[in-house]
């Protein structure tokens, strides 16, 4: 799961671009410093379903039923620095 989490971190523009992230049922919900740094191709390779929904600095990415696990792993990685 750690590799998958790192892939999403990179696809969302890197750790420094993520101010908050949470996994909920099937989506990763993130607040980004600069949403334009998202890489759609990397999100697709990581396993994104469909297209991300962007609302200002907020982004929702449908990843499937393991979203909570990935969100937790991303938060663990971000806390480690």
N, C-alpha and C. Protein backbone atom coordinates (compact mmCIF):
# COMPACT_ATOMS: atom_id res chain seq x y z
N UNK A 1 0.83 -1.19 0.00
CA UNK A 1 0.00 0.00 0.00
C UNK A 1 0.87 1.26 0.00
N UNK A 2 2.08 1.13 0.55
CA UNK A 2 2.97 2.28 0.61
C UNK A 2 3.36 2.76 -0.80
N UNK A 3 3.61 1.83 -1.71
CA UNK A 3 3.95 2.21 -3.09
C UNK A 3 2.79 2.95 -3.75
N UNK A 4 1.58 2.48 -3.52
CA UNK A 4 0.38 3.11 -4.08
C UNK A 4 0.23 4.52 -3.50
N UNK A 5 0.44 4.66 -2.20
CA UNK A 5 0.33 5.97 -1.55
C UNK A 5 1.37 6.93 -2.11
N UNK A 6 2.59 6.47 -2.29
CA UNK A 6 3.65 7.33 -2.86
C UNK A 6 3.32 7.75 -4.29
N UNK A 7 2.71 6.84 -5.04
CA UNK A 7 2.31 7.17 -6.41
C UNK A 7 1.27 8.29 -6.42
N UNK A 8 0.33 8.24 -5.49
CA UNK A 8 -0.67 9.30 -5.41
C UNK A 8 -0.06 10.61 -4.92
N UNK A 9 0.88 10.55 -3.99
CA UNK A 9 1.56 11.77 -3.54
C UNK A 9 2.24 12.43 -4.73
N UNK A 10 3.00 11.67 -5.50
CA UNK A 10 3.68 12.22 -6.68
C UNK A 10 2.68 12.78 -7.68
N UNK A 11 1.58 12.06 -7.91
CA UNK A 11 0.58 12.48 -8.89
C UNK A 11 -0.15 13.76 -8.46
N UNK A 12 -0.24 13.97 -7.17
CA UNK A 12 -0.89 15.18 -6.65
C UNK A 12 0.06 16.38 -6.56
N UNK A 13 1.25 16.22 -7.09
CA UNK A 13 2.19 17.35 -7.14
C UNK A 13 3.26 17.30 -6.08
N UNK A 14 3.37 16.18 -5.37
CA UNK A 14 4.41 16.02 -4.36
C UNK A 14 3.92 16.38 -2.97
N UNK A 15 4.68 15.95 -1.98
CA UNK A 15 4.30 16.15 -0.58
C UNK A 15 4.11 17.62 -0.23
N UNK A 16 4.96 18.48 -0.78
CA UNK A 16 4.87 19.91 -0.45
C UNK A 16 3.62 20.57 -1.05
N UNK A 17 2.95 19.89 -1.96
CA UNK A 17 1.74 20.45 -2.58
C UNK A 17 0.47 20.01 -1.85
N UNK A 18 0.59 19.08 -0.91
CA UNK A 18 -0.58 18.55 -0.20
C UNK A 18 -0.65 19.18 1.19
N UNK A 19 -1.73 19.93 1.45
CA UNK A 19 -1.89 20.51 2.79
C UNK A 19 -2.76 19.65 3.68
N UNK A 20 -3.65 18.87 3.06
CA UNK A 20 -4.53 17.98 3.83
C UNK A 20 -5.01 16.88 2.89
N UNK A 21 -5.16 15.67 3.43
CA UNK A 21 -5.72 14.58 2.63
C UNK A 21 -6.43 13.59 3.55
N UNK A 22 -7.50 13.04 3.03
CA UNK A 22 -8.30 12.10 3.81
C UNK A 22 -8.93 11.11 2.85
N UNK A 23 -9.00 9.87 3.26
CA UNK A 23 -9.67 8.85 2.46
C UNK A 23 -11.06 8.62 3.00
N UNK A 24 -12.05 8.60 2.12
CA UNK A 24 -13.41 8.35 2.58
C UNK A 24 -14.12 7.44 1.58
N UNK A 25 -14.49 6.31 2.00
CA UNK A 25 -15.17 5.24 1.27
C UNK A 25 -14.48 4.94 -0.06
N UNK A 26 -14.69 5.74 -1.10
CA UNK A 26 -14.06 5.44 -2.40
C UNK A 26 -13.21 6.58 -2.93
N UNK A 27 -13.08 7.66 -2.18
CA UNK A 27 -12.38 8.84 -2.68
C UNK A 27 -11.27 9.31 -1.77
N UNK A 28 -10.25 9.87 -2.40
CA UNK A 28 -9.27 10.66 -1.67
C UNK A 28 -9.72 12.10 -1.78
N UNK A 29 -9.84 12.77 -0.66
CA UNK A 29 -10.21 14.19 -0.64
C UNK A 29 -8.98 14.95 -0.17
N UNK A 30 -8.51 15.85 -1.01
CA UNK A 30 -7.27 16.55 -0.70
C UNK A 30 -7.45 18.05 -0.85
N UNK A 31 -6.67 18.79 -0.08
CA UNK A 31 -6.52 20.23 -0.27
C UNK A 31 -5.09 20.43 -0.73
N UNK A 32 -4.93 21.07 -1.88
CA UNK A 32 -3.62 21.25 -2.48
C UNK A 32 -3.22 22.73 -2.48
N UNK A 33 -1.93 22.96 -2.41
CA UNK A 33 -1.40 24.32 -2.50
C UNK A 33 -1.70 24.85 -3.91
N UNK A 34 -1.41 24.04 -4.93
CA UNK A 34 -1.59 24.42 -6.32
C UNK A 34 -2.15 23.24 -7.12
N UNK A 35 -3.47 23.20 -7.33
CA UNK A 35 -4.07 22.07 -8.05
C UNK A 35 -3.51 21.89 -9.48
N UNK A 36 -2.96 22.92 -10.06
CA UNK A 36 -2.43 22.79 -11.43
C UNK A 36 -1.19 21.90 -11.47
N UNK A 37 -0.62 21.56 -10.31
CA UNK A 37 0.55 20.67 -10.26
C UNK A 37 0.16 19.20 -10.32
N UNK A 38 -1.15 18.91 -10.28
CA UNK A 38 -1.60 17.52 -10.41
C UNK A 38 -1.22 16.99 -11.78
N UNK A 39 -0.84 15.73 -11.82
CA UNK A 39 -0.48 15.08 -13.08
C UNK A 39 -1.54 14.01 -13.38
N UNK A 40 -2.43 14.31 -14.33
CA UNK A 40 -3.53 13.39 -14.63
C UNK A 40 -3.05 12.02 -15.08
N UNK A 41 -2.01 11.99 -15.86
CA UNK A 41 -1.50 10.69 -16.33
C UNK A 41 -1.00 9.86 -15.14
N UNK A 42 -0.28 10.50 -14.23
CA UNK A 42 0.20 9.76 -13.05
C UNK A 42 -0.96 9.30 -12.18
N UNK A 43 -2.00 10.12 -12.07
CA UNK A 43 -3.18 9.70 -11.31
C UNK A 43 -3.81 8.46 -11.94
N UNK A 44 -3.89 8.44 -13.27
CA UNK A 44 -4.46 7.29 -13.96
C UNK A 44 -3.60 6.05 -13.75
N UNK A 45 -2.28 6.21 -13.84
CA UNK A 45 -1.38 5.07 -13.64
C UNK A 45 -1.49 4.55 -12.20
N UNK A 46 -1.68 5.46 -11.25
CA UNK A 46 -1.80 5.07 -9.84
C UNK A 46 -3.10 4.30 -9.58
N UNK A 47 -4.11 4.48 -10.45
CA UNK A 47 -5.34 3.74 -10.29
C UNK A 47 -6.60 4.57 -10.16
N UNK A 48 -6.51 5.88 -10.45
CA UNK A 48 -7.68 6.75 -10.38
C UNK A 48 -8.77 6.24 -11.31
N UNK A 49 -10.02 6.34 -10.87
CA UNK A 49 -11.18 5.97 -11.68
C UNK A 49 -11.83 7.26 -12.17
N UNK A 50 -11.98 7.42 -13.47
CA UNK A 50 -12.59 8.64 -14.01
C UNK A 50 -11.63 9.81 -13.99
N UNK A 51 -12.17 10.98 -13.68
CA UNK A 51 -11.36 12.20 -13.62
C UNK A 51 -11.51 12.83 -12.24
N UNK A 52 -10.49 13.57 -11.80
CA UNK A 52 -10.60 14.22 -10.50
C UNK A 52 -11.62 15.36 -10.54
N UNK A 53 -12.26 15.60 -9.42
CA UNK A 53 -13.16 16.73 -9.29
C UNK A 53 -12.39 17.82 -8.54
N UNK A 54 -12.25 18.98 -9.16
CA UNK A 54 -11.48 20.07 -8.57
C UNK A 54 -12.44 21.20 -8.22
N UNK A 55 -12.37 21.65 -6.96
CA UNK A 55 -13.18 22.76 -6.48
C UNK A 55 -12.26 23.72 -5.75
N UNK A 56 -11.75 24.71 -6.45
CA UNK A 56 -10.77 25.60 -5.85
C UNK A 56 -9.50 24.82 -5.56
N UNK A 57 -9.08 24.81 -4.32
CA UNK A 57 -7.89 24.06 -3.92
C UNK A 57 -8.24 22.65 -3.45
N UNK A 58 -9.53 22.34 -3.41
CA UNK A 58 -9.98 21.01 -3.02
C UNK A 58 -10.08 20.09 -4.22
N UNK A 59 -9.65 18.85 -4.02
CA UNK A 59 -9.66 17.85 -5.08
C UNK A 59 -10.23 16.55 -4.53
N UNK A 60 -11.08 15.89 -5.32
CA UNK A 60 -11.56 14.56 -4.98
C UNK A 60 -11.16 13.62 -6.10
N UNK A 61 -10.51 12.53 -5.71
CA UNK A 61 -10.05 11.54 -6.67
C UNK A 61 -10.67 10.20 -6.30
N UNK A 62 -11.44 9.62 -7.21
CA UNK A 62 -12.06 8.31 -6.96
C UNK A 62 -10.99 7.24 -7.18
N UNK A 63 -10.73 6.45 -6.14
CA UNK A 63 -9.69 5.43 -6.21
C UNK A 63 -10.22 4.02 -5.91
N UNK A 64 -11.44 3.92 -5.45
CA UNK A 64 -12.00 2.62 -5.11
C UNK A 64 -12.13 2.41 -3.62
N UNK A 65 -12.48 1.20 -3.24
CA UNK A 65 -12.82 0.90 -1.85
C UNK A 65 -11.63 0.93 -0.89
N UNK A 66 -10.43 1.05 -1.40
CA UNK A 66 -9.25 1.12 -0.52
C UNK A 66 -8.82 2.57 -0.26
N UNK A 67 -9.68 3.54 -0.53
CA UNK A 67 -9.35 4.96 -0.36
C UNK A 67 -8.93 5.29 1.07
N UNK A 68 -9.61 4.72 2.06
CA UNK A 68 -9.27 5.02 3.46
C UNK A 68 -7.87 4.51 3.80
N UNK A 69 -7.52 3.33 3.30
CA UNK A 69 -6.18 2.78 3.55
C UNK A 69 -5.10 3.65 2.90
N UNK A 70 -5.36 4.07 1.67
CA UNK A 70 -4.38 4.91 0.97
C UNK A 70 -4.27 6.27 1.66
N UNK A 71 -5.39 6.85 2.04
CA UNK A 71 -5.37 8.14 2.73
C UNK A 71 -4.57 8.06 4.02
N UNK A 72 -4.77 7.00 4.79
CA UNK A 72 -4.01 6.81 6.04
C UNK A 72 -2.52 6.66 5.77
N UNK A 73 -2.19 5.90 4.75
CA UNK A 73 -0.78 5.68 4.40
C UNK A 73 -0.14 6.98 3.91
N UNK A 74 -0.86 7.77 3.12
CA UNK A 74 -0.34 9.06 2.67
C UNK A 74 -0.05 9.95 3.87
N UNK A 75 -0.99 10.00 4.82
CA UNK A 75 -0.78 10.83 6.01
C UNK A 75 0.43 10.36 6.81
N UNK A 76 0.62 9.05 6.92
CA UNK A 76 1.79 8.52 7.62
C UNK A 76 3.07 8.97 6.92
N UNK A 77 3.11 8.86 5.60
CA UNK A 77 4.29 9.26 4.82
C UNK A 77 4.55 10.76 4.97
N UNK A 78 3.48 11.57 4.90
CA UNK A 78 3.65 13.02 5.00
C UNK A 78 4.16 13.42 6.39
N UNK A 79 3.72 12.73 7.44
CA UNK A 79 4.19 13.04 8.79
C UNK A 79 5.66 12.69 8.98
N UNK A 80 6.13 11.67 8.26
CA UNK A 80 7.54 11.26 8.36
C UNK A 80 8.47 12.27 7.70
N UNK A 81 7.89 13.09 6.82
CA UNK A 81 8.67 14.12 6.15
C UNK A 81 9.40 13.58 5.01
